[in-house]
C-alpha cells in the first residue's frame, strides 16, 4: 500500500504490473500518482517477486480477480473510489478483469497493453507466435464494460505496438479517451504524470 503524504486519498489505484518485473521494480512505474493524491495498492502474481506458486497465464488472471476482491475489502480502501490501472501485461488483465467486475470499480486505465497473447507473440516472434493459444481477448472483453476507460499508449513503444492500444480503444464503449504519448514502453507516468492524473480526474472521478 502506497499512500500520499499529507492529504486524504481521493481514490484508490488497484495496480496490475507487467510480466517482466515485480513489485520491487514496478512500483516506480505507478508511484508518480501519489503526488496527485491517489493511494495505490499493488501486488505480485503467483511466481513473481516474493509470491509463491507458479507463474502462468491462468494463475495471473486468477490472481488479478483475487487481488481486486482483497483490495476492495481492505480497511484502508473500503468506501474509496476504485480505479484499475494496468501496465503492459497488467493492462491486458485490467481490460479483462475490469469488464467482468465493472460493478465493483469506478473506471479503468490501460497503459501499453496488448490485445491477446497470440497477437503479442506473433509480433515478437512471427512464426512461432502462431503456436500460442489464446484464452481471453482484451479487445473483446472490453466491449462488455460501461465504466470510463482511459487508454494510454506511446507511438514509440517497441515492446507493444500502439496499434494494440488503438484496437482496445476502438472496441471500448463511451465514456473513453485515447491518450497518445511519446517515450518507451509504459513510461507514461514517468514523463506525463500531471496529464494522466488530470485525465483520470476528468474522465473517471467526475463521472463516478
N, C-alpha and C. Protein backbone atom coordinates (compact mmCIF):
# COMPACT_ATOMS: atom_id res chain seq x y z
N UNK A 1 0.84 -1.18 0.00
CA UNK A 1 0.00 0.00 0.00
C UNK A 1 0.88 1.24 0.00
N UNK A 2 0.67 2.11 -0.97
CA UNK A 2 1.39 3.37 -1.07
C UNK A 2 0.39 4.49 -0.87
N UNK A 3 0.69 5.42 0.05
CA UNK A 3 -0.26 6.47 0.39
C UNK A 3 0.37 7.85 0.18
N UNK A 4 -0.42 8.81 -0.31
CA UNK A 4 0.10 10.16 -0.48
C UNK A 4 0.40 10.81 0.87
N UNK A 5 1.39 11.68 0.90
CA UNK A 5 1.77 12.35 2.14
C UNK A 5 0.93 13.60 2.38
N UNK A 6 0.43 13.71 3.58
CA UNK A 6 -0.21 14.95 3.99
C UNK A 6 -1.55 15.26 3.39
N UNK A 7 -2.20 14.27 2.77
CA UNK A 7 -3.53 14.53 2.19
C UNK A 7 -4.36 13.25 2.22
N UNK A 8 -5.66 13.43 2.24
CA UNK A 8 -6.55 12.28 2.19
C UNK A 8 -6.66 11.79 0.76
N UNK A 9 -6.51 10.48 0.52
CA UNK A 9 -6.60 9.96 -0.85
C UNK A 9 -7.97 10.23 -1.46
N UNK A 10 -7.98 10.67 -2.72
CA UNK A 10 -9.25 10.92 -3.38
C UNK A 10 -9.77 9.67 -4.09
N UNK A 11 -8.91 8.68 -4.26
CA UNK A 11 -9.31 7.41 -4.89
C UNK A 11 -8.18 6.41 -4.68
N UNK A 12 -8.50 5.14 -4.88
CA UNK A 12 -7.51 4.07 -4.77
C UNK A 12 -7.22 3.51 -6.15
N UNK A 13 -5.94 3.44 -6.48
CA UNK A 13 -5.49 2.80 -7.71
C UNK A 13 -5.15 1.35 -7.39
N UNK A 14 -5.84 0.42 -8.02
CA UNK A 14 -5.52 -1.01 -7.91
C UNK A 14 -4.62 -1.33 -9.10
N UNK A 15 -3.36 -1.60 -8.81
CA UNK A 15 -2.34 -1.68 -9.85
C UNK A 15 -2.01 -3.11 -10.24
N UNK A 16 -2.08 -3.39 -11.56
CA UNK A 16 -1.63 -4.66 -12.12
C UNK A 16 -0.38 -4.36 -12.95
N UNK A 17 0.77 -4.89 -12.51
CA UNK A 17 2.02 -4.56 -13.21
C UNK A 17 2.28 -5.49 -14.39
N UNK A 18 3.36 -5.23 -15.11
CA UNK A 18 3.71 -6.01 -16.29
C UNK A 18 4.31 -7.36 -15.97
N UNK A 19 4.61 -8.12 -17.00
CA UNK A 19 5.02 -9.52 -16.81
C UNK A 19 6.52 -9.70 -16.59
N UNK A 20 7.33 -8.71 -16.94
CA UNK A 20 8.78 -8.90 -16.86
C UNK A 20 9.37 -8.47 -15.52
N UNK A 21 8.56 -7.91 -14.66
CA UNK A 21 9.08 -7.33 -13.43
C UNK A 21 8.29 -7.82 -12.21
N UNK A 22 8.57 -7.19 -11.07
CA UNK A 22 7.80 -7.46 -9.86
C UNK A 22 7.63 -6.16 -9.09
N UNK A 23 7.06 -6.23 -7.89
CA UNK A 23 6.77 -5.01 -7.12
C UNK A 23 8.02 -4.16 -6.92
N UNK A 24 9.15 -4.79 -6.63
CA UNK A 24 10.36 -4.05 -6.31
C UNK A 24 10.81 -3.15 -7.45
N UNK A 25 10.53 -3.55 -8.67
CA UNK A 25 10.91 -2.74 -9.83
C UNK A 25 9.74 -1.95 -10.40
N UNK A 26 8.53 -2.48 -10.28
CA UNK A 26 7.38 -1.86 -10.93
C UNK A 26 6.66 -0.80 -10.11
N UNK A 27 6.91 -0.74 -8.80
CA UNK A 27 6.19 0.27 -8.03
C UNK A 27 6.57 1.68 -8.49
N UNK A 28 7.78 1.83 -9.02
CA UNK A 28 8.22 3.14 -9.50
C UNK A 28 7.42 3.59 -10.73
N UNK A 29 6.89 2.61 -11.47
CA UNK A 29 6.13 2.93 -12.67
C UNK A 29 4.76 3.53 -12.35
N UNK A 30 4.25 3.27 -11.14
CA UNK A 30 2.92 3.74 -10.77
C UNK A 30 2.96 4.81 -9.68
N UNK A 31 4.04 4.88 -8.92
CA UNK A 31 4.11 5.76 -7.75
C UNK A 31 3.99 7.26 -8.05
N UNK A 32 4.27 7.76 -9.27
CA UNK A 32 4.07 9.20 -9.50
C UNK A 32 2.65 9.69 -9.20
N UNK A 33 1.66 8.81 -9.21
CA UNK A 33 0.29 9.23 -8.92
C UNK A 33 0.10 9.60 -7.45
N UNK A 34 1.03 9.23 -6.58
CA UNK A 34 0.94 9.60 -5.17
C UNK A 34 0.94 11.13 -5.01
N UNK A 35 1.69 11.79 -5.86
CA UNK A 35 1.81 13.24 -5.80
C UNK A 35 0.49 13.93 -6.10
N UNK A 36 -0.43 13.20 -6.74
CA UNK A 36 -1.72 13.77 -7.12
C UNK A 36 -2.87 13.21 -6.29
N UNK A 37 -2.53 12.81 -5.07
CA UNK A 37 -3.50 12.42 -4.03
C UNK A 37 -4.22 11.10 -4.30
N UNK A 38 -3.59 10.21 -5.05
CA UNK A 38 -4.12 8.85 -5.19
C UNK A 38 -3.35 7.94 -4.25
N UNK A 39 -4.05 7.00 -3.63
CA UNK A 39 -3.33 5.93 -2.94
C UNK A 39 -3.31 4.72 -3.87
N UNK A 40 -2.28 3.90 -3.70
CA UNK A 40 -2.04 2.80 -4.63
C UNK A 40 -1.88 1.50 -3.86
N UNK A 41 -2.56 0.48 -4.31
CA UNK A 41 -2.38 -0.85 -3.74
C UNK A 41 -1.96 -1.78 -4.88
N UNK A 42 -0.86 -2.49 -4.68
CA UNK A 42 -0.30 -3.32 -5.74
C UNK A 42 0.14 -4.66 -5.18
N UNK A 43 0.50 -5.58 -6.06
CA UNK A 43 0.82 -6.94 -5.64
C UNK A 43 1.64 -7.64 -6.71
N UNK A 44 2.14 -8.83 -6.38
CA UNK A 44 2.83 -9.68 -7.35
C UNK A 44 1.96 -10.90 -7.67
N UNK A 45 1.97 -11.30 -8.93
CA UNK A 45 1.28 -12.52 -9.34
C UNK A 45 2.02 -13.74 -8.78
N UNK A 46 1.36 -14.87 -8.81
CA UNK A 46 2.00 -16.12 -8.37
C UNK A 46 3.31 -16.34 -9.13
N UNK A 47 4.36 -16.65 -8.38
CA UNK A 47 5.65 -16.91 -9.00
C UNK A 47 6.47 -15.68 -9.32
N UNK A 48 5.97 -14.50 -8.97
CA UNK A 48 6.69 -13.25 -9.20
C UNK A 48 7.21 -12.71 -7.86
N UNK A 49 8.39 -12.09 -7.88
CA UNK A 49 8.91 -11.47 -6.67
C UNK A 49 8.95 -12.45 -5.52
N UNK A 50 8.32 -12.07 -4.41
CA UNK A 50 8.30 -12.94 -3.23
C UNK A 50 7.04 -13.80 -3.16
N UNK A 51 6.21 -13.75 -4.18
CA UNK A 51 4.99 -14.55 -4.18
C UNK A 51 5.31 -16.01 -4.48
N UNK A 52 4.67 -16.89 -3.76
CA UNK A 52 4.83 -18.32 -4.00
C UNK A 52 3.95 -18.73 -5.17
N UNK A 53 4.00 -20.00 -5.51
CA UNK A 53 3.16 -20.51 -6.59
C UNK A 53 3.88 -20.49 -7.92
N UNK A 54 3.15 -20.84 -8.95
CA UNK A 54 3.70 -20.97 -10.30
C UNK A 54 3.24 -19.82 -11.18
N UNK A 55 4.18 -19.22 -11.88
CA UNK A 55 3.81 -18.16 -12.83
C UNK A 55 3.21 -18.77 -14.08
N UNK A 56 1.98 -18.40 -14.37
CA UNK A 56 1.30 -18.88 -15.57
C UNK A 56 0.20 -17.89 -15.93
N UNK A 57 -0.26 -17.96 -17.17
CA UNK A 57 -1.33 -17.06 -17.60
C UNK A 57 -2.61 -17.29 -16.78
N UNK A 58 -2.91 -18.55 -16.57
CA UNK A 58 -4.12 -18.90 -15.81
C UNK A 58 -4.04 -18.36 -14.39
N UNK A 59 -2.88 -18.54 -13.75
CA UNK A 59 -2.72 -18.08 -12.38
C UNK A 59 -2.73 -16.56 -12.29
N UNK A 60 -2.12 -15.89 -13.26
CA UNK A 60 -2.09 -14.42 -13.23
C UNK A 60 -3.49 -13.84 -13.31
N UNK A 61 -4.33 -14.40 -14.17
CA UNK A 61 -5.71 -13.92 -14.28
C UNK A 61 -6.49 -14.22 -13.00
N UNK A 62 -6.30 -15.41 -12.46
CA UNK A 62 -6.95 -15.77 -11.21
C UNK A 62 -6.50 -14.84 -10.09
N UNK A 63 -5.20 -14.54 -10.05
CA UNK A 63 -4.66 -13.65 -9.03
C UNK A 63 -5.21 -12.24 -9.16
N UNK A 64 -5.39 -11.78 -10.39
CA UNK A 64 -5.92 -10.43 -10.61
C UNK A 64 -7.33 -10.29 -10.05
N UNK A 65 -8.18 -11.28 -10.30
CA UNK A 65 -9.53 -11.27 -9.73
C UNK A 65 -9.46 -11.32 -8.20
N UNK A 66 -8.60 -12.19 -7.69
CA UNK A 66 -8.48 -12.35 -6.24
C UNK A 66 -7.98 -11.08 -5.58
N UNK A 67 -7.04 -10.40 -6.25
CA UNK A 67 -6.49 -9.18 -5.65
C UNK A 67 -7.52 -8.06 -5.63
N UNK A 68 -8.36 -7.98 -6.65
CA UNK A 68 -9.42 -6.98 -6.62
C UNK A 68 -10.35 -7.22 -5.44
N UNK A 69 -10.68 -8.48 -5.18
CA UNK A 69 -11.50 -8.82 -4.01
C UNK A 69 -10.81 -8.38 -2.73
N UNK A 70 -9.51 -8.66 -2.64
CA UNK A 70 -8.74 -8.28 -1.46
C UNK A 70 -8.72 -6.76 -1.30
N UNK A 71 -8.43 -6.07 -2.39
CA UNK A 71 -8.28 -4.62 -2.33
C UNK A 71 -9.56 -3.92 -1.90
N UNK A 72 -10.68 -4.31 -2.47
CA UNK A 72 -11.92 -3.58 -2.18
C UNK A 72 -12.39 -3.79 -0.74
N UNK A 73 -11.90 -4.87 -0.09
CA UNK A 73 -12.28 -5.14 1.29
C UNK A 73 -11.20 -4.73 2.29
N UNK A 74 -10.11 -4.17 1.80
CA UNK A 74 -9.04 -3.72 2.68
C UNK A 74 -9.54 -2.55 3.52
N UNK A 75 -9.19 -2.53 4.79
CA UNK A 75 -9.71 -1.50 5.70
C UNK A 75 -9.34 -0.08 5.27
N UNK A 76 -8.22 0.08 4.56
CA UNK A 76 -7.82 1.41 4.11
C UNK A 76 -8.39 1.77 2.74
N UNK A 77 -9.15 0.85 2.17
CA UNK A 77 -9.71 1.05 0.83
C UNK A 77 -11.23 1.13 0.86
N UNK A 78 -11.85 0.43 1.79
CA UNK A 78 -13.32 0.39 1.84
C UNK A 78 -13.92 1.79 1.80
N UNK A 79 -14.87 1.98 0.91
CA UNK A 79 -15.52 3.27 0.77
C UNK A 79 -14.84 4.20 -0.22
N UNK A 80 -13.65 3.84 -0.65
CA UNK A 80 -12.90 4.66 -1.61
C UNK A 80 -13.33 4.33 -3.03
N UNK A 81 -13.20 5.31 -3.92
CA UNK A 81 -13.40 5.03 -5.33
C UNK A 81 -12.26 4.16 -5.82
N UNK A 82 -12.59 3.17 -6.65
CA UNK A 82 -11.59 2.20 -7.12
C UNK A 82 -11.35 2.36 -8.61
N UNK A 83 -10.07 2.44 -8.96
CA UNK A 83 -9.68 2.54 -10.37
C UNK A 83 -8.65 1.45 -10.65
N UNK A 84 -8.92 0.62 -11.63
CA UNK A 84 -7.94 -0.37 -12.06
C UNK A 84 -6.96 0.30 -13.01
N UNK A 85 -5.67 0.15 -12.74
CA UNK A 85 -4.64 0.72 -13.61
C UNK A 85 -3.66 -0.40 -13.94
N UNK A 86 -3.66 -0.83 -15.21
CA UNK A 86 -2.78 -1.92 -15.63
C UNK A 86 -1.78 -1.46 -16.65
N UNK A 87 -0.56 -1.96 -16.54
CA UNK A 87 0.51 -1.60 -17.47
C UNK A 87 1.03 -2.85 -18.17
N UNK A 88 1.13 -2.80 -19.49
CA UNK A 88 1.63 -3.90 -20.31
C UNK A 88 0.75 -5.15 -20.10
N UNK A 89 1.33 -6.25 -19.62
CA UNK A 89 0.53 -7.45 -19.36
C UNK A 89 -0.57 -7.14 -18.35
N UNK A 90 -0.25 -6.27 -17.39
CA UNK A 90 -1.26 -5.85 -16.43
C UNK A 90 -2.39 -5.06 -17.08
N UNK A 91 -2.08 -4.37 -18.19
CA UNK A 91 -3.13 -3.68 -18.92
C UNK A 91 -4.09 -4.64 -19.59
N UNK A 92 -3.54 -5.71 -20.13
CA UNK A 92 -4.38 -6.77 -20.69
C UNK A 92 -5.30 -7.33 -19.60
N UNK A 93 -4.72 -7.63 -18.43
CA UNK A 93 -5.51 -8.17 -17.32
C UNK A 93 -6.57 -7.18 -16.86
N UNK A 94 -6.22 -5.91 -16.86
CA UNK A 94 -7.17 -4.88 -16.44
C UNK A 94 -8.39 -4.83 -17.36
N UNK A 95 -8.16 -4.96 -18.67
CA UNK A 95 -9.28 -4.97 -19.61
C UNK A 95 -10.23 -6.13 -19.33
N UNK A 96 -9.66 -7.30 -19.06
CA UNK A 96 -10.47 -8.49 -18.82
C UNK A 96 -11.18 -8.41 -17.47
N UNK A 97 -10.42 -8.16 -16.42
CA UNK A 97 -10.99 -8.13 -15.07
C UNK A 97 -11.95 -6.96 -14.91
N UNK A 98 -11.56 -5.80 -15.41
CA UNK A 98 -12.42 -4.63 -15.27
C UNK A 98 -13.76 -4.81 -15.94
N UNK A 99 -13.76 -5.38 -17.13
CA UNK A 99 -15.01 -5.58 -17.86
C UNK A 99 -15.94 -6.56 -17.16
N UNK A 100 -15.35 -7.54 -16.49
CA UNK A 100 -16.16 -8.56 -15.83
C UNK A 100 -16.47 -8.25 -14.37
N UNK A 101 -15.87 -7.19 -13.85
CA UNK A 101 -16.15 -6.75 -12.47
C UNK A 101 -16.47 -5.26 -12.45
N UNK A 102 -17.09 -4.77 -13.51
CA UNK A 102 -17.30 -3.33 -13.64
C UNK A 102 -18.18 -2.74 -12.56
N UNK A 103 -19.05 -3.53 -11.95
CA UNK A 103 -19.92 -3.02 -10.91
C UNK A 103 -19.18 -2.77 -9.60
N UNK A 104 -17.93 -3.22 -9.53
CA UNK A 104 -17.14 -3.08 -8.31
C UNK A 104 -16.09 -1.98 -8.42
N UNK A 105 -15.99 -1.33 -9.57
CA UNK A 105 -14.97 -0.32 -9.79
C UNK A 105 -15.59 0.95 -10.37
N UNK A 106 -14.78 2.01 -10.42
CA UNK A 106 -15.26 3.28 -10.95
C UNK A 106 -14.67 3.62 -12.31
N UNK A 107 -13.63 2.91 -12.70
CA UNK A 107 -13.04 3.17 -14.00
C UNK A 107 -11.81 2.32 -14.25
N UNK A 108 -11.31 2.42 -15.48
CA UNK A 108 -10.20 1.59 -15.94
C UNK A 108 -9.17 2.46 -16.65
N UNK A 109 -7.89 2.21 -16.34
CA UNK A 109 -6.79 2.84 -17.07
C UNK A 109 -5.89 1.72 -17.60
N UNK A 110 -5.63 1.74 -18.90
CA UNK A 110 -4.84 0.70 -19.55
C UNK A 110 -3.67 1.37 -20.27
N UNK A 111 -2.45 0.98 -19.90
CA UNK A 111 -1.27 1.59 -20.50
C UNK A 111 -0.40 0.53 -21.17
N UNK A 112 -0.14 0.71 -22.44
CA UNK A 112 0.79 -0.15 -23.17
C UNK A 112 0.39 -1.61 -23.22
N UNK A 113 -0.89 -1.89 -23.41
CA UNK A 113 -1.40 -3.27 -23.35
C UNK A 113 -1.51 -3.90 -24.73
N UNK A 114 -1.38 -5.23 -24.77
CA UNK A 114 -1.65 -5.99 -26.00
C UNK A 114 -3.08 -6.50 -25.98
N UNK A 115 -3.57 -6.93 -27.13
CA UNK A 115 -4.96 -7.39 -27.23
C UNK A 115 -5.12 -8.86 -26.88
N UNK A 116 -4.11 -9.67 -27.18
CA UNK A 116 -4.17 -11.10 -26.87
C UNK A 116 -2.75 -11.64 -26.81
N UNK A 117 -2.60 -12.78 -26.17
CA UNK A 117 -1.28 -13.41 -26.07
C UNK A 117 -0.74 -13.78 -27.45
N UNK A 118 -1.61 -14.28 -28.30
CA UNK A 118 -1.16 -14.68 -29.64
C UNK A 118 -0.73 -13.46 -30.45
N UNK A 119 -1.49 -12.37 -30.38
CA UNK A 119 -1.14 -11.17 -31.13
C UNK A 119 0.23 -10.64 -30.71
N UNK A 120 0.48 -10.63 -29.40
CA UNK A 120 1.77 -10.16 -28.92
C UNK A 120 2.90 -11.11 -29.30
N UNK A 121 2.63 -12.41 -29.20
CA UNK A 121 3.65 -13.41 -29.56
C UNK A 121 4.00 -13.33 -31.05
N UNK A 122 3.00 -13.12 -31.89
CA UNK A 122 3.24 -13.02 -33.34
C UNK A 122 4.05 -11.77 -33.67
N UNK A 123 3.87 -10.72 -32.88
CA UNK A 123 4.68 -9.52 -33.08
C UNK A 123 6.13 -9.77 -32.68
N UNK A 124 6.31 -10.47 -31.54
CA UNK A 124 7.65 -10.73 -31.03
C UNK A 124 8.40 -11.76 -31.89
N UNK A 125 7.74 -12.88 -32.18
CA UNK A 125 8.34 -13.96 -32.98
C UNK A 125 7.30 -14.43 -33.99
N UNK A 126 7.24 -13.83 -35.14
CA UNK A 126 6.15 -14.04 -36.11
C UNK A 126 5.78 -15.49 -36.39
N UNK A 127 6.76 -16.37 -36.63
CA UNK A 127 6.41 -17.75 -36.97
C UNK A 127 5.93 -18.52 -35.74
N UNK A 128 6.74 -18.53 -34.69
CA UNK A 128 6.39 -19.32 -33.51
C UNK A 128 5.19 -18.75 -32.78
N UNK A 129 4.93 -17.48 -32.97
CA UNK A 129 3.79 -16.87 -32.31
C UNK A 129 2.47 -17.48 -32.72
N UNK A 130 2.41 -18.05 -33.92
CA UNK A 130 1.18 -18.69 -34.38
C UNK A 130 0.81 -19.91 -33.54
N UNK A 131 1.78 -20.45 -32.81
CA UNK A 131 1.53 -21.64 -32.00
C UNK A 131 0.95 -21.31 -30.63
N UNK A 132 0.97 -20.03 -30.27
CA UNK A 132 0.46 -19.62 -28.96
C UNK A 132 -1.06 -19.66 -28.95
N UNK A 133 -1.62 -20.23 -27.90
CA UNK A 133 -3.07 -20.32 -27.78
C UNK A 133 -3.59 -19.12 -26.99
N UNK A 134 -4.72 -18.61 -27.41
CA UNK A 134 -5.36 -17.51 -26.69
C UNK A 134 -6.33 -18.04 -25.65
N UNK A 135 -6.58 -17.23 -24.65
CA UNK A 135 -7.61 -17.52 -23.67
C UNK A 135 -8.68 -16.41 -23.75
N UNK A 136 -8.35 -15.24 -23.24
CA UNK A 136 -9.26 -14.10 -23.32
C UNK A 136 -8.67 -13.06 -24.27
N UNK A 137 -9.54 -12.31 -24.93
CA UNK A 137 -9.12 -11.23 -25.81
C UNK A 137 -9.49 -9.90 -25.16
N UNK A 138 -8.50 -9.04 -24.91
CA UNK A 138 -8.78 -7.76 -24.26
C UNK A 138 -9.74 -6.92 -25.08
N UNK A 139 -9.58 -6.92 -26.39
CA UNK A 139 -10.44 -6.09 -27.24
C UNK A 139 -11.86 -6.63 -27.31
N UNK A 140 -12.06 -7.89 -27.03
CA UNK A 140 -13.41 -8.46 -26.99
C UNK A 140 -14.04 -8.24 -25.61
N UNK A 141 -13.26 -8.49 -24.56
CA UNK A 141 -13.79 -8.35 -23.20
C UNK A 141 -14.18 -6.90 -22.89
N UNK A 142 -13.41 -5.94 -23.40
CA UNK A 142 -13.67 -4.54 -23.09
C UNK A 142 -15.03 -4.08 -23.64
N UNK A 143 -15.57 -4.81 -24.60
CA UNK A 143 -16.87 -4.46 -25.15
C UNK A 143 -18.00 -4.59 -24.13
N UNK A 144 -17.78 -5.39 -23.09
CA UNK A 144 -18.79 -5.57 -22.04
C UNK A 144 -18.85 -4.38 -21.08
N UNK A 145 -17.75 -3.65 -21.02
CA UNK A 145 -17.58 -2.62 -19.99
C UNK A 145 -18.33 -1.34 -20.31
N UNK A 146 -18.94 -0.74 -19.29
CA UNK A 146 -19.65 0.53 -19.43
C UNK A 146 -19.06 1.63 -18.54
N UNK A 147 -18.02 1.31 -17.81
CA UNK A 147 -17.36 2.31 -16.97
C UNK A 147 -16.32 3.08 -17.79
N UNK A 148 -15.95 4.28 -17.35
CA UNK A 148 -14.97 5.09 -18.10
C UNK A 148 -13.65 4.35 -18.32
N UNK A 149 -13.10 4.52 -19.51
CA UNK A 149 -11.85 3.84 -19.88
C UNK A 149 -10.86 4.87 -20.45
N UNK A 150 -9.67 4.90 -19.86
CA UNK A 150 -8.58 5.72 -20.37
C UNK A 150 -7.51 4.77 -20.92
N UNK A 151 -7.21 4.89 -22.20
CA UNK A 151 -6.18 4.09 -22.84
C UNK A 151 -4.97 4.99 -23.10
N UNK A 152 -3.81 4.57 -22.60
CA UNK A 152 -2.57 5.31 -22.79
C UNK A 152 -1.60 4.43 -23.57
N UNK A 153 -1.03 4.98 -24.63
CA UNK A 153 -0.07 4.18 -25.41
C UNK A 153 0.90 5.12 -26.11
N UNK A 154 2.16 4.71 -26.14
CA UNK A 154 3.18 5.52 -26.79
C UNK A 154 3.36 5.11 -28.24
N UNK A 155 3.48 6.10 -29.11
CA UNK A 155 3.76 5.80 -30.51
C UNK A 155 5.20 5.33 -30.71
N UNK A 156 6.03 5.46 -29.68
CA UNK A 156 7.41 4.98 -29.73
C UNK A 156 7.58 3.60 -29.09
N UNK A 157 6.48 3.00 -28.65
CA UNK A 157 6.54 1.71 -27.96
C UNK A 157 7.02 0.62 -28.91
N UNK A 158 8.17 0.03 -28.61
CA UNK A 158 8.73 -1.05 -29.42
C UNK A 158 8.35 -2.43 -28.88
N UNK A 159 7.91 -2.46 -27.64
CA UNK A 159 7.54 -3.73 -27.00
C UNK A 159 6.12 -4.15 -27.37
N UNK A 160 5.21 -3.21 -27.28
CA UNK A 160 3.80 -3.45 -27.62
C UNK A 160 3.37 -2.31 -28.55
N UNK A 161 3.22 -2.56 -29.84
CA UNK A 161 2.89 -1.50 -30.80
C UNK A 161 1.59 -0.77 -30.46
N UNK A 162 1.55 0.49 -30.82
CA UNK A 162 0.39 1.32 -30.49
C UNK A 162 -0.89 0.81 -31.14
N UNK A 163 -0.78 0.03 -32.21
CA UNK A 163 -1.98 -0.50 -32.86
C UNK A 163 -2.81 -1.36 -31.91
N UNK A 164 -2.15 -2.01 -30.94
CA UNK A 164 -2.89 -2.83 -29.98
C UNK A 164 -3.73 -1.95 -29.06
N UNK A 165 -3.13 -0.86 -28.58
CA UNK A 165 -3.88 0.06 -27.72
C UNK A 165 -5.04 0.69 -28.45
N UNK A 166 -4.83 1.04 -29.72
CA UNK A 166 -5.90 1.64 -30.51
C UNK A 166 -7.03 0.64 -30.76
N UNK A 167 -6.69 -0.63 -30.91
CA UNK A 167 -7.71 -1.65 -31.12
C UNK A 167 -8.57 -1.83 -29.88
N UNK A 168 -7.94 -1.82 -28.72
CA UNK A 168 -8.72 -1.91 -27.47
C UNK A 168 -9.63 -0.68 -27.35
N UNK A 169 -9.08 0.49 -27.66
CA UNK A 169 -9.87 1.72 -27.59
C UNK A 169 -11.08 1.68 -28.53
N UNK A 170 -10.86 1.24 -29.74
CA UNK A 170 -11.95 1.20 -30.73
C UNK A 170 -13.08 0.29 -30.29
N UNK A 171 -12.76 -0.75 -29.53
CA UNK A 171 -13.78 -1.69 -29.08
C UNK A 171 -14.42 -1.30 -27.75
N UNK A 172 -13.86 -0.30 -27.08
CA UNK A 172 -14.40 0.14 -25.80
C UNK A 172 -15.63 1.03 -26.01
N UNK A 173 -16.51 1.05 -25.04
CA UNK A 173 -17.69 1.91 -25.07
C UNK A 173 -17.38 3.26 -24.46
N UNK A 174 -18.17 4.25 -24.77
CA UNK A 174 -18.08 5.55 -24.13
C UNK A 174 -18.56 5.44 -22.68
N UNK A 175 -18.04 6.28 -21.79
CA UNK A 175 -17.02 7.31 -21.99
C UNK A 175 -15.62 6.70 -22.08
N UNK A 176 -14.83 7.20 -23.00
CA UNK A 176 -13.48 6.68 -23.18
C UNK A 176 -12.59 7.77 -23.75
N UNK A 177 -11.29 7.59 -23.58
CA UNK A 177 -10.32 8.53 -24.16
C UNK A 177 -9.05 7.78 -24.50
N UNK A 178 -8.45 8.13 -25.64
CA UNK A 178 -7.16 7.58 -26.04
C UNK A 178 -6.12 8.68 -25.90
N UNK A 179 -5.10 8.43 -25.08
CA UNK A 179 -4.04 9.40 -24.85
C UNK A 179 -2.75 8.88 -25.48
N UNK A 180 -2.40 9.45 -26.63
CA UNK A 180 -1.19 9.04 -27.33
C UNK A 180 0.00 9.85 -26.81
N UNK A 181 1.04 9.14 -26.40
CA UNK A 181 2.21 9.79 -25.82
C UNK A 181 3.48 9.40 -26.58
N UNK A 182 4.60 9.94 -26.15
CA UNK A 182 5.91 9.56 -26.65
C UNK A 182 6.60 8.71 -25.58
N UNK A 183 7.87 8.40 -25.81
CA UNK A 183 8.73 7.68 -24.87
C UNK A 183 8.52 6.17 -24.97
N UNK A 184 9.44 5.38 -24.38
CA UNK A 184 9.37 3.92 -24.47
C UNK A 184 8.19 3.31 -23.71
N UNK A 185 8.14 2.00 -23.75
CA UNK A 185 7.06 1.17 -23.18
C UNK A 185 6.76 1.50 -21.72
N UNK A 186 5.51 1.74 -21.43
CA UNK A 186 4.92 2.01 -20.10
C UNK A 186 5.72 3.00 -19.23
N UNK A 187 6.15 4.08 -19.84
CA UNK A 187 6.80 5.14 -19.08
C UNK A 187 5.94 6.40 -19.00
N UNK A 188 4.64 6.21 -19.23
CA UNK A 188 3.73 7.35 -19.23
C UNK A 188 3.79 8.17 -17.97
N UNK A 189 3.74 7.52 -16.82
CA UNK A 189 3.71 8.25 -15.55
C UNK A 189 5.05 8.84 -15.18
N UNK A 190 6.11 8.39 -15.82
CA UNK A 190 7.42 8.99 -15.56
C UNK A 190 7.55 10.34 -16.26
N UNK A 191 6.87 10.49 -17.40
CA UNK A 191 7.00 11.70 -18.20
C UNK A 191 5.74 12.57 -18.24
N UNK A 192 4.58 11.96 -18.02
CA UNK A 192 3.32 12.71 -18.13
C UNK A 192 2.42 12.50 -16.91
N UNK A 193 2.95 12.54 -15.70
CA UNK A 193 2.11 12.25 -14.53
C UNK A 193 0.97 13.24 -14.33
N UNK A 194 1.25 14.54 -14.52
CA UNK A 194 0.21 15.55 -14.31
C UNK A 194 -0.92 15.38 -15.32
N UNK A 195 -0.55 15.15 -16.58
CA UNK A 195 -1.56 15.00 -17.63
C UNK A 195 -2.43 13.76 -17.39
N UNK A 196 -1.78 12.67 -17.01
CA UNK A 196 -2.54 11.44 -16.76
C UNK A 196 -3.44 11.59 -15.54
N UNK A 197 -2.92 12.20 -14.49
CA UNK A 197 -3.74 12.42 -13.29
C UNK A 197 -4.96 13.27 -13.62
N UNK A 198 -4.77 14.31 -14.43
CA UNK A 198 -5.89 15.17 -14.81
C UNK A 198 -6.92 14.42 -15.64
N UNK A 199 -6.46 13.56 -16.50
CA UNK A 199 -7.39 12.78 -17.32
C UNK A 199 -8.18 11.79 -16.47
N UNK A 200 -7.52 11.20 -15.48
CA UNK A 200 -8.25 10.31 -14.56
C UNK A 200 -9.30 11.10 -13.81
N UNK A 201 -8.94 12.30 -13.36
CA UNK A 201 -9.91 13.15 -12.65
C UNK A 201 -11.12 13.46 -13.51
N UNK A 202 -10.87 13.93 -14.73
CA UNK A 202 -11.96 14.40 -15.59
C UNK A 202 -12.78 13.28 -16.19
N UNK A 203 -12.11 12.19 -16.60
CA UNK A 203 -12.82 11.11 -17.27
C UNK A 203 -13.48 10.14 -16.30
N UNK A 204 -12.82 9.88 -15.18
CA UNK A 204 -13.31 8.84 -14.28
C UNK A 204 -13.95 9.40 -13.00
N UNK A 205 -13.20 10.20 -12.26
CA UNK A 205 -13.69 10.63 -10.94
C UNK A 205 -14.88 11.59 -11.05
N UNK A 206 -14.90 12.45 -12.03
CA UNK A 206 -16.02 13.40 -12.16
C UNK A 206 -17.28 12.75 -12.70
N UNK A 207 -17.15 11.54 -13.24
CA UNK A 207 -18.32 10.85 -13.78
C UNK A 207 -18.80 9.71 -12.89
N UNK A 208 -18.03 9.42 -11.84
CA UNK A 208 -18.41 8.28 -10.98
C UNK A 208 -19.20 8.75 -9.78
